[in-house]
Amino acid sequence: MLADEITHDLRTIRAEALAKAAASAHPVTLPLTSKGIGFGSVTASQHGEVDTSQVDGVDPDLRVRPFLRRVASFSMRAFAVGAFKDEMGWSRGSGPLQCH
């Protein structure tokens, strides 16, 4: 849920930059900050274009993906299996879950 909240905040800032640029007829750059974390900045043009070249730590779509995932779908089972295997040294052989 935290990732969704931050995503919402960042996209709200992008929308604010677009609205300010349209109203002022000049490009507007705003810092992308949520929950005390900085993600660079976004620049909106008066023509509705968004420059995300200064965005840092998140993809240009401003979607924060939990658990360092870069895919559209995610399962808790896959996360748990990966954690047991990679972080705890457990693997599934021909028998029960075994420790290396």
N, C-alpha and C. Protein backbone atom coordinates (compact mmCIF):
# COMPACT_ATOMS: atom_id res chain seq x y z
N MET A 1 0.82 -1.19 0.00
CA MET A 1 0.00 0.00 0.00
C MET A 1 0.86 1.26 0.00
N LEU A 2 2.02 1.17 0.64
CA LEU A 2 2.91 2.33 0.67
C LEU A 2 3.35 2.70 -0.74
N ALA A 3 3.67 1.69 -1.55
CA ALA A 3 4.06 1.96 -2.93
C ALA A 3 2.94 2.66 -3.69
N ASP A 4 1.70 2.23 -3.46
CA ASP A 4 0.55 2.87 -4.12
C ASP A 4 0.38 4.31 -3.67
N GLU A 5 0.59 4.57 -2.38
CA GLU A 5 0.47 5.94 -1.86
C GLU A 5 1.52 6.85 -2.48
N ILE A 6 2.76 6.36 -2.56
CA ILE A 6 3.83 7.17 -3.14
C ILE A 6 3.57 7.40 -4.63
N THR A 7 3.13 6.35 -5.32
CA THR A 7 2.79 6.49 -6.75
C THR A 7 1.73 7.56 -6.94
N HIS A 8 0.70 7.54 -6.11
CA HIS A 8 -0.36 8.55 -6.19
C HIS A 8 0.22 9.96 -5.97
N ASP A 9 1.08 10.11 -4.96
CA ASP A 9 1.68 11.42 -4.69
C ASP A 9 2.49 11.92 -5.88
N LEU A 10 3.33 11.05 -6.44
CA LEU A 10 4.19 11.45 -7.56
C LEU A 10 3.37 11.83 -8.79
N ARG A 11 2.34 11.06 -9.06
CA ARG A 11 1.49 11.36 -10.22
C ARG A 11 0.66 12.62 -10.00
N THR A 12 0.32 12.91 -8.76
CA THR A 12 -0.38 14.16 -8.45
C THR A 12 0.54 15.35 -8.70
N ILE A 13 1.80 15.21 -8.34
CA ILE A 13 2.78 16.28 -8.60
C ILE A 13 2.93 16.49 -10.10
N ARG A 14 2.99 15.40 -10.86
CA ARG A 14 3.09 15.52 -12.33
C ARG A 14 1.88 16.25 -12.89
N ALA A 15 0.69 15.91 -12.41
CA ALA A 15 -0.54 16.59 -12.87
C ALA A 15 -0.52 18.06 -12.49
N GLU A 16 0.00 18.37 -11.30
CA GLU A 16 0.10 19.77 -10.88
C GLU A 16 1.05 20.55 -11.79
N ALA A 17 2.17 19.93 -12.15
CA ALA A 17 3.12 20.58 -13.05
C ALA A 17 2.49 20.85 -14.41
N LEU A 18 1.72 19.88 -14.92
CA LEU A 18 1.04 20.07 -16.20
C LEU A 18 0.02 21.20 -16.13
N ALA A 19 -0.73 21.27 -15.04
CA ALA A 19 -1.74 22.33 -14.89
C ALA A 19 -1.08 23.70 -14.79
N LYS A 20 0.00 23.79 -14.02
CA LYS A 20 0.69 25.08 -13.87
C LYS A 20 1.32 25.52 -15.18
N ALA A 21 1.88 24.57 -15.94
CA ALA A 21 2.50 24.92 -17.22
C ALA A 21 1.45 25.41 -18.21
N ALA A 22 0.29 24.77 -18.23
CA ALA A 22 -0.77 25.19 -19.14
C ALA A 22 -1.28 26.57 -18.77
N ALA A 23 -1.39 26.84 -17.48
CA ALA A 23 -1.91 28.13 -17.03
C ALA A 23 -0.92 29.27 -17.25
N SER A 24 0.37 28.97 -17.12
CA SER A 24 1.38 30.04 -17.22
C SER A 24 1.96 30.19 -18.62
N ALA A 25 1.70 29.21 -19.50
CA ALA A 25 2.27 29.18 -20.85
C ALA A 25 3.79 29.11 -20.84
N HIS A 26 4.36 28.56 -19.76
CA HIS A 26 5.80 28.34 -19.64
C HIS A 26 6.04 26.97 -19.02
N PRO A 27 7.19 26.35 -19.32
CA PRO A 27 7.52 25.08 -18.69
C PRO A 27 7.60 25.22 -17.16
N VAL A 28 7.18 24.19 -16.45
CA VAL A 28 7.20 24.19 -14.99
C VAL A 28 7.92 22.94 -14.52
N THR A 29 8.90 23.11 -13.63
CA THR A 29 9.62 22.00 -13.02
C THR A 29 9.26 21.93 -11.55
N LEU A 30 8.86 20.74 -11.11
CA LEU A 30 8.52 20.52 -9.70
C LEU A 30 9.32 19.34 -9.16
N PRO A 31 9.73 19.42 -7.90
CA PRO A 31 10.43 18.28 -7.28
C PRO A 31 9.44 17.16 -6.98
N LEU A 32 9.88 15.94 -7.19
CA LEU A 32 9.05 14.77 -6.88
C LEU A 32 9.45 14.26 -5.51
N THR A 33 8.64 14.56 -4.52
CA THR A 33 8.92 14.16 -3.14
C THR A 33 7.67 13.57 -2.52
N SER A 34 7.84 12.43 -1.86
CA SER A 34 6.73 11.79 -1.15
C SER A 34 7.27 11.07 0.07
N LYS A 35 6.60 11.22 1.18
CA LYS A 35 6.98 10.55 2.43
C LYS A 35 8.42 10.88 2.83
N GLY A 36 8.87 12.07 2.48
CA GLY A 36 10.22 12.49 2.81
C GLY A 36 11.30 11.93 1.90
N ILE A 37 10.90 11.28 0.82
CA ILE A 37 11.84 10.68 -0.13
C ILE A 37 11.81 11.48 -1.42
N GLY A 38 12.98 11.86 -1.91
CA GLY A 38 13.08 12.60 -3.16
C GLY A 38 13.28 11.67 -4.34
N PHE A 39 12.56 11.93 -5.42
CA PHE A 39 12.66 11.13 -6.63
C PHE A 39 13.05 11.99 -7.83
N GLY A 40 13.83 13.03 -7.59
CA GLY A 40 14.24 13.91 -8.67
C GLY A 40 13.19 14.96 -8.94
N SER A 41 13.01 15.27 -10.21
CA SER A 41 12.03 16.29 -10.59
C SER A 41 11.40 15.94 -11.93
N VAL A 42 10.31 16.62 -12.20
CA VAL A 42 9.59 16.45 -13.45
C VAL A 42 9.34 17.84 -14.04
N THR A 43 9.48 17.95 -15.36
CA THR A 43 9.24 19.21 -16.04
C THR A 43 8.10 19.03 -17.04
N ALA A 44 7.11 19.88 -16.92
CA ALA A 44 5.96 19.86 -17.83
C ALA A 44 6.02 21.08 -18.73
N SER A 45 5.73 20.86 -20.01
CA SER A 45 5.70 21.98 -20.95
C SER A 45 4.28 22.51 -21.06
N GLN A 46 4.17 23.71 -21.60
CA GLN A 46 2.86 24.31 -21.79
C GLN A 46 2.05 23.58 -22.85
N HIS A 47 2.69 22.67 -23.59
CA HIS A 47 2.02 21.91 -24.64
C HIS A 47 1.54 20.54 -24.15
N GLY A 48 1.73 20.27 -22.85
CA GLY A 48 1.27 19.00 -22.28
C GLY A 48 2.27 17.87 -22.30
N GLU A 49 3.51 18.18 -22.67
CA GLU A 49 4.55 17.15 -22.68
C GLU A 49 5.25 17.13 -21.33
N VAL A 50 5.72 15.94 -20.93
CA VAL A 50 6.39 15.79 -19.64
C VAL A 50 7.80 15.24 -19.86
N ASP A 51 8.77 15.94 -19.30
CA ASP A 51 10.17 15.51 -19.36
C ASP A 51 10.49 14.79 -18.05
N THR A 52 10.79 13.49 -18.14
CA THR A 52 11.10 12.70 -16.95
C THR A 52 12.59 12.35 -16.87
N SER A 53 13.43 13.07 -17.61
CA SER A 53 14.86 12.74 -17.62
C SER A 53 15.54 13.00 -16.28
N GLN A 54 14.92 13.79 -15.41
CA GLN A 54 15.50 14.08 -14.09
C GLN A 54 14.85 13.24 -12.98
N VAL A 55 14.00 12.30 -13.35
CA VAL A 55 13.39 11.40 -12.37
C VAL A 55 14.45 10.41 -11.90
N ASP A 56 14.51 10.18 -10.59
CA ASP A 56 15.55 9.32 -10.02
C ASP A 56 14.93 8.32 -9.05
N GLY A 57 15.27 7.05 -9.21
CA GLY A 57 14.83 6.03 -8.27
C GLY A 57 13.49 5.39 -8.58
N VAL A 58 12.86 5.78 -9.66
CA VAL A 58 11.57 5.22 -10.06
C VAL A 58 11.48 5.32 -11.58
N ASP A 59 10.72 4.43 -12.18
CA ASP A 59 10.56 4.45 -13.64
C ASP A 59 9.87 5.74 -14.10
N PRO A 60 10.04 6.12 -15.36
CA PRO A 60 9.42 7.34 -15.87
C PRO A 60 7.89 7.37 -15.76
N ASP A 61 7.26 6.20 -15.61
CA ASP A 61 5.79 6.20 -15.44
C ASP A 61 5.39 6.58 -14.01
N LEU A 62 6.39 6.80 -13.15
CA LEU A 62 6.20 7.20 -11.75
C LEU A 62 5.47 6.15 -10.92
N ARG A 63 5.51 4.91 -11.35
CA ARG A 63 4.89 3.81 -10.60
C ARG A 63 5.95 3.19 -9.70
N VAL A 64 5.71 3.24 -8.39
CA VAL A 64 6.61 2.61 -7.43
C VAL A 64 6.19 1.15 -7.31
N ARG A 65 7.14 0.27 -7.56
CA ARG A 65 6.85 -1.16 -7.50
C ARG A 65 7.46 -1.75 -6.24
N PRO A 66 6.64 -2.43 -5.43
CA PRO A 66 7.15 -2.97 -4.16
C PRO A 66 8.10 -4.13 -4.37
N PHE A 67 8.97 -4.34 -3.40
CA PHE A 67 9.91 -5.46 -3.40
C PHE A 67 10.83 -5.46 -4.60
N LEU A 68 11.15 -4.29 -5.11
CA LEU A 68 12.07 -4.13 -6.25
C LEU A 68 11.60 -4.87 -7.49
N ARG A 69 10.31 -5.06 -7.64
CA ARG A 69 9.76 -5.79 -8.78
C ARG A 69 9.60 -4.85 -9.96
N ARG A 70 9.91 -5.35 -11.15
CA ARG A 70 9.77 -4.57 -12.37
C ARG A 70 8.76 -5.20 -13.32
N VAL A 71 7.89 -6.05 -12.79
CA VAL A 71 6.90 -6.71 -13.63
C VAL A 71 5.51 -6.23 -13.23
N ALA A 72 4.55 -6.49 -14.10
CA ALA A 72 3.19 -6.02 -13.84
C ALA A 72 2.48 -6.87 -12.78
N SER A 73 2.79 -8.17 -12.72
CA SER A 73 2.12 -9.02 -11.73
C SER A 73 3.13 -9.50 -10.70
N PHE A 74 2.62 -9.83 -9.53
CA PHE A 74 3.48 -10.24 -8.44
C PHE A 74 2.67 -11.11 -7.50
N SER A 75 3.27 -12.20 -7.03
CA SER A 75 2.57 -13.04 -6.07
C SER A 75 3.40 -13.14 -4.80
N MET A 76 2.72 -13.20 -3.68
CA MET A 76 3.41 -13.34 -2.40
C MET A 76 4.11 -14.70 -2.32
N ARG A 77 3.54 -15.72 -2.96
CA ARG A 77 4.18 -17.04 -2.96
C ARG A 77 5.54 -16.97 -3.65
N ALA A 78 5.59 -16.30 -4.80
CA ALA A 78 6.87 -16.18 -5.51
C ALA A 78 7.89 -15.42 -4.67
N PHE A 79 7.45 -14.40 -3.96
CA PHE A 79 8.34 -13.65 -3.09
C PHE A 79 8.87 -14.54 -1.97
N ALA A 80 7.97 -15.31 -1.32
CA ALA A 80 8.38 -16.17 -0.21
C ALA A 80 9.33 -17.25 -0.67
N VAL A 81 9.05 -17.90 -1.80
CA VAL A 81 9.94 -18.94 -2.33
C VAL A 81 11.31 -18.35 -2.64
N GLY A 82 11.32 -17.18 -3.27
CA GLY A 82 12.60 -16.53 -3.57
C GLY A 82 13.37 -16.17 -2.32
N ALA A 83 12.66 -15.71 -1.29
CA ALA A 83 13.32 -15.35 -0.03
C ALA A 83 13.91 -16.58 0.64
N PHE A 84 13.15 -17.67 0.68
CA PHE A 84 13.68 -18.91 1.29
C PHE A 84 14.91 -19.39 0.53
N LYS A 85 14.85 -19.32 -0.78
CA LYS A 85 15.95 -19.82 -1.61
C LYS A 85 17.17 -18.89 -1.56
N ASP A 86 16.95 -17.62 -1.84
CA ASP A 86 18.06 -16.68 -1.99
C ASP A 86 18.60 -16.15 -0.67
N GLU A 87 17.73 -15.87 0.28
CA GLU A 87 18.16 -15.22 1.51
C GLU A 87 18.45 -16.21 2.64
N MET A 88 17.76 -17.34 2.63
CA MET A 88 17.93 -18.28 3.73
C MET A 88 18.66 -19.55 3.33
N GLY A 89 18.99 -19.68 2.05
CA GLY A 89 19.75 -20.83 1.59
C GLY A 89 18.95 -22.12 1.54
N TRP A 90 17.63 -22.03 1.48
CA TRP A 90 16.81 -23.23 1.41
C TRP A 90 16.49 -23.54 -0.04
N SER A 91 16.40 -24.81 -0.34
CA SER A 91 15.98 -25.19 -1.69
C SER A 91 15.07 -26.40 -1.60
N ARG A 92 14.38 -26.63 -2.66
CA ARG A 92 13.45 -27.76 -2.70
C ARG A 92 14.07 -28.82 -3.59
N GLY A 93 14.48 -29.91 -3.02
CA GLY A 93 15.04 -31.02 -3.77
C GLY A 93 13.97 -32.07 -4.01
N SER A 94 14.37 -33.35 -3.98
CA SER A 94 13.40 -34.40 -4.19
C SER A 94 12.57 -34.66 -2.95
N GLY A 95 13.04 -34.21 -1.80
CA GLY A 95 12.32 -34.43 -0.55
C GLY A 95 11.79 -33.12 0.00
N PRO A 96 11.67 -33.06 1.32
CA PRO A 96 11.18 -31.83 1.94
C PRO A 96 12.17 -30.68 1.79
N LEU A 97 11.73 -29.50 2.10
CA LEU A 97 12.57 -28.32 2.02
C LEU A 97 13.84 -28.54 2.82
N GLN A 98 14.99 -28.36 2.20
CA GLN A 98 16.26 -28.66 2.85
C GLN A 98 17.12 -27.42 2.92
N CYS A 99 17.98 -27.36 3.93
CA CYS A 99 18.90 -26.24 4.09
C CYS A 99 20.27 -26.64 3.59
N HIS A 100 20.95 -25.75 2.88
CA HIS A 100 22.32 -26.00 2.38
C HIS A 100 23.32 -25.76 3.47
